[in-house]
Amino acid sequence: MKASVVDLRYRMSDILKALDRDEIVEVLYHGKTKGKIIPVSGKSAMRVKDHPFFNMTAAEKSVDEVMDNLRGGRYHNL
């Protein structure tokens, strides 16, 4: 499906229905493709609780140790 910027504003329900049908929506601006909206399949989407940052409590390190590890050396070089 192709949709202009105006369609995104006024026909969003039609665009969402197209995404439900697993169609890729091309976004057009002045007749040229600016981007694509790709439907997310239920299996490939990452859940928030599976993100490594939110799993900090499972580690037996303190929050400061985990944050130092995430920041790397640049934090201590200041």
N, C-alpha and C. Protein backbone atom coordinates (compact mmCIF):
# COMPACT_ATOMS: atom_id res chain seq x y z
N MET A 1 0.84 -1.17 0.00
CA MET A 1 0.00 0.00 0.00
C MET A 1 0.89 1.23 0.00
N LYS A 2 0.46 2.24 -0.69
CA LYS A 2 1.17 3.52 -0.71
C LYS A 2 0.28 4.56 -0.02
N ALA A 3 0.88 5.37 0.84
CA ALA A 3 0.13 6.37 1.57
C ALA A 3 0.93 7.66 1.63
N SER A 4 0.26 8.77 1.38
CA SER A 4 0.94 10.06 1.48
C SER A 4 0.93 10.51 2.95
N VAL A 5 1.61 11.59 3.21
CA VAL A 5 1.65 12.14 4.56
C VAL A 5 0.24 12.55 5.00
N VAL A 6 -0.54 13.05 4.08
CA VAL A 6 -1.93 13.43 4.38
C VAL A 6 -2.75 12.19 4.73
N ASP A 7 -2.50 11.09 4.01
CA ASP A 7 -3.20 9.84 4.32
C ASP A 7 -2.88 9.35 5.73
N LEU A 8 -1.63 9.55 6.15
CA LEU A 8 -1.27 9.15 7.50
C LEU A 8 -2.12 9.88 8.53
N ARG A 9 -2.44 11.11 8.23
CA ARG A 9 -3.23 11.90 9.17
C ARG A 9 -4.71 11.56 9.13
N TYR A 10 -5.27 11.46 7.92
CA TYR A 10 -6.71 11.34 7.80
C TYR A 10 -7.21 9.91 7.59
N ARG A 11 -6.34 8.99 7.21
CA ARG A 11 -6.77 7.61 6.93
C ARG A 11 -5.96 6.60 7.74
N MET A 12 -5.62 6.96 8.96
CA MET A 12 -4.81 6.08 9.78
C MET A 12 -5.47 4.73 10.02
N SER A 13 -6.78 4.69 10.15
CA SER A 13 -7.47 3.41 10.38
C SER A 13 -7.27 2.48 9.19
N ASP A 14 -7.29 3.02 7.96
CA ASP A 14 -7.05 2.19 6.78
C ASP A 14 -5.61 1.66 6.75
N ILE A 15 -4.69 2.49 7.18
CA ILE A 15 -3.28 2.08 7.21
C ILE A 15 -3.08 0.99 8.25
N LEU A 16 -3.71 1.13 9.40
CA LEU A 16 -3.60 0.10 10.43
C LEU A 16 -4.23 -1.21 9.98
N LYS A 17 -5.32 -1.12 9.24
CA LYS A 17 -5.94 -2.34 8.69
C LYS A 17 -5.01 -3.02 7.70
N ALA A 18 -4.30 -2.23 6.89
CA ALA A 18 -3.34 -2.80 5.94
C ALA A 18 -2.20 -3.48 6.69
N LEU A 19 -1.76 -2.89 7.78
CA LEU A 19 -0.71 -3.52 8.58
C LEU A 19 -1.21 -4.80 9.22
N ASP A 20 -2.48 -4.85 9.60
CA ASP A 20 -3.06 -6.08 10.14
C ASP A 20 -3.08 -7.18 9.08
N ARG A 21 -3.18 -6.78 7.81
CA ARG A 21 -3.14 -7.76 6.71
C ARG A 21 -1.71 -8.09 6.30
N ASP A 22 -0.74 -7.65 7.08
CA ASP A 22 0.69 -7.87 6.83
C ASP A 22 1.16 -7.22 5.54
N GLU A 23 0.60 -6.07 5.19
CA GLU A 23 1.06 -5.31 4.03
C GLU A 23 2.10 -4.29 4.48
N ILE A 24 3.07 -4.04 3.62
CA ILE A 24 4.04 -2.99 3.87
C ILE A 24 3.47 -1.68 3.33
N VAL A 25 3.54 -0.62 4.13
CA VAL A 25 2.99 0.67 3.73
C VAL A 25 4.15 1.59 3.37
N GLU A 26 4.15 2.07 2.13
CA GLU A 26 5.16 3.03 1.70
C GLU A 26 4.64 4.43 1.98
N VAL A 27 5.46 5.24 2.63
CA VAL A 27 5.07 6.62 2.94
C VAL A 27 5.65 7.52 1.86
N LEU A 28 4.76 8.28 1.22
CA LEU A 28 5.16 9.15 0.12
C LEU A 28 5.10 10.62 0.56
N TYR A 29 6.08 11.38 0.11
CA TYR A 29 6.11 12.82 0.34
C TYR A 29 6.42 13.47 -0.99
N HIS A 30 5.50 14.25 -1.49
CA HIS A 30 5.60 14.85 -2.83
C HIS A 30 5.83 13.78 -3.89
N GLY A 31 5.17 12.64 -3.73
CA GLY A 31 5.22 11.57 -4.71
C GLY A 31 6.46 10.69 -4.64
N LYS A 32 7.37 10.97 -3.73
CA LYS A 32 8.59 10.17 -3.60
C LYS A 32 8.55 9.39 -2.28
N THR A 33 9.06 8.17 -2.33
CA THR A 33 9.06 7.33 -1.14
C THR A 33 10.04 7.87 -0.11
N LYS A 34 9.53 8.13 1.09
CA LYS A 34 10.36 8.62 2.20
C LYS A 34 10.65 7.52 3.21
N GLY A 35 9.82 6.50 3.25
CA GLY A 35 10.04 5.43 4.20
C GLY A 35 9.00 4.34 4.04
N LYS A 36 9.17 3.30 4.84
CA LYS A 36 8.24 2.18 4.82
C LYS A 36 7.84 1.85 6.24
N ILE A 37 6.58 1.50 6.41
CA ILE A 37 6.08 1.00 7.68
C ILE A 37 5.89 -0.50 7.50
N ILE A 38 6.63 -1.25 8.27
CA ILE A 38 6.62 -2.71 8.13
C ILE A 38 5.87 -3.29 9.32
N PRO A 39 4.91 -4.20 9.07
CA PRO A 39 4.17 -4.79 10.18
C PRO A 39 5.08 -5.67 11.04
N VAL A 40 4.82 -5.67 12.32
CA VAL A 40 5.61 -6.46 13.25
C VAL A 40 4.88 -7.78 13.46
N SER A 41 5.58 -8.86 13.25
CA SER A 41 4.98 -10.16 13.55
C SER A 41 5.12 -10.42 15.04
N GLY A 42 4.19 -11.11 15.61
CA GLY A 42 4.17 -11.33 17.05
C GLY A 42 5.38 -12.08 17.57
N LYS A 43 6.02 -12.90 16.75
CA LYS A 43 7.13 -13.71 17.22
C LYS A 43 8.44 -12.94 17.29
N SER A 44 8.63 -11.95 16.41
CA SER A 44 9.93 -11.28 16.34
C SER A 44 10.04 -10.07 17.26
N ALA A 45 8.93 -9.60 17.80
CA ALA A 45 8.98 -8.41 18.64
C ALA A 45 9.60 -8.76 20.00
N MET A 46 10.53 -7.92 20.44
CA MET A 46 11.18 -8.15 21.73
C MET A 46 10.30 -7.59 22.83
N ARG A 47 10.13 -8.39 23.86
CA ARG A 47 9.37 -7.93 25.02
C ARG A 47 10.29 -7.09 25.90
N VAL A 48 9.72 -6.14 26.59
CA VAL A 48 10.50 -5.23 27.42
C VAL A 48 11.26 -5.99 28.49
N LYS A 49 10.62 -6.97 29.10
CA LYS A 49 11.28 -7.70 30.18
C LYS A 49 12.46 -8.53 29.68
N ASP A 50 12.54 -8.80 28.38
CA ASP A 50 13.65 -9.57 27.82
C ASP A 50 14.86 -8.70 27.48
N HIS A 51 14.71 -7.40 27.52
CA HIS A 51 15.82 -6.50 27.22
C HIS A 51 16.87 -6.61 28.32
N PRO A 52 18.16 -6.65 27.97
CA PRO A 52 19.20 -6.85 28.97
C PRO A 52 19.21 -5.80 30.08
N PHE A 53 18.84 -4.58 29.78
CA PHE A 53 18.87 -3.52 30.80
C PHE A 53 17.86 -3.80 31.90
N PHE A 54 16.70 -4.33 31.55
CA PHE A 54 15.67 -4.57 32.55
C PHE A 54 15.90 -5.86 33.32
N ASN A 55 16.91 -6.60 32.95
CA ASN A 55 17.24 -7.84 33.64
C ASN A 55 18.35 -7.59 34.66
N MET A 56 18.57 -6.35 35.04
CA MET A 56 19.65 -6.01 35.98
C MET A 56 19.44 -6.66 37.33
N THR A 57 18.19 -6.81 37.75
CA THR A 57 17.96 -7.35 39.08
C THR A 57 18.33 -8.82 39.17
N ALA A 58 18.39 -9.52 38.04
CA ALA A 58 18.76 -10.92 38.06
C ALA A 58 20.25 -11.08 38.36
N ALA A 59 21.05 -10.08 38.02
CA ALA A 59 22.48 -10.13 38.29
C ALA A 59 22.71 -9.86 39.77
N GLU A 60 23.75 -10.43 40.30
CA GLU A 60 24.04 -10.22 41.72
C GLU A 60 25.03 -9.09 41.92
N LYS A 61 25.09 -8.20 40.97
CA LYS A 61 25.96 -7.03 41.07
C LYS A 61 25.13 -5.85 41.57
N SER A 62 25.80 -4.87 42.10
CA SER A 62 25.10 -3.66 42.51
C SER A 62 24.74 -2.85 41.27
N VAL A 63 23.85 -1.92 41.44
CA VAL A 63 23.43 -1.06 40.33
C VAL A 63 24.62 -0.26 39.83
N ASP A 64 25.47 0.21 40.74
CA ASP A 64 26.65 0.98 40.33
C ASP A 64 27.59 0.15 39.47
N GLU A 65 27.78 -1.11 39.81
CA GLU A 65 28.66 -1.99 39.01
C GLU A 65 28.08 -2.22 37.62
N VAL A 66 26.78 -2.43 37.56
CA VAL A 66 26.13 -2.66 36.26
C VAL A 66 26.22 -1.40 35.40
N MET A 67 25.96 -0.22 36.01
CA MET A 67 26.03 1.03 35.25
C MET A 67 27.45 1.33 34.79
N ASP A 68 28.45 1.05 35.62
CA ASP A 68 29.85 1.21 35.20
C ASP A 68 30.17 0.32 34.02
N ASN A 69 29.64 -0.90 34.04
CA ASN A 69 29.86 -1.83 32.93
C ASN A 69 29.19 -1.33 31.66
N LEU A 70 27.98 -0.77 31.78
CA LEU A 70 27.26 -0.25 30.61
C LEU A 70 27.95 1.00 30.05
N ARG A 71 28.43 1.86 30.91
CA ARG A 71 29.07 3.10 30.46
C ARG A 71 30.44 2.85 29.86
N GLY A 72 31.13 1.86 30.34
CA GLY A 72 32.48 1.59 29.85
C GLY A 72 33.48 2.57 30.44
N GLY A 73 34.61 2.72 29.80
CA GLY A 73 35.68 3.55 30.32
C GLY A 73 35.44 5.04 30.20
N ARG A 74 34.52 5.47 29.35
CA ARG A 74 34.36 6.90 29.10
C ARG A 74 33.86 7.65 30.33
N TYR A 75 33.17 7.00 31.24
CA TYR A 75 32.62 7.67 32.40
C TYR A 75 33.73 8.04 33.39
N HIS A 76 34.70 7.16 33.57
CA HIS A 76 35.77 7.41 34.54
C HIS A 76 36.85 8.33 33.97
N ASN A 77 36.87 8.54 32.68
CA ASN A 77 37.90 9.38 32.05
C ASN A 77 37.57 10.87 32.14
N LEU A 78 36.45 11.22 32.70
CA LEU A 78 36.05 12.63 32.78
C LEU A 78 36.79 13.38 33.84
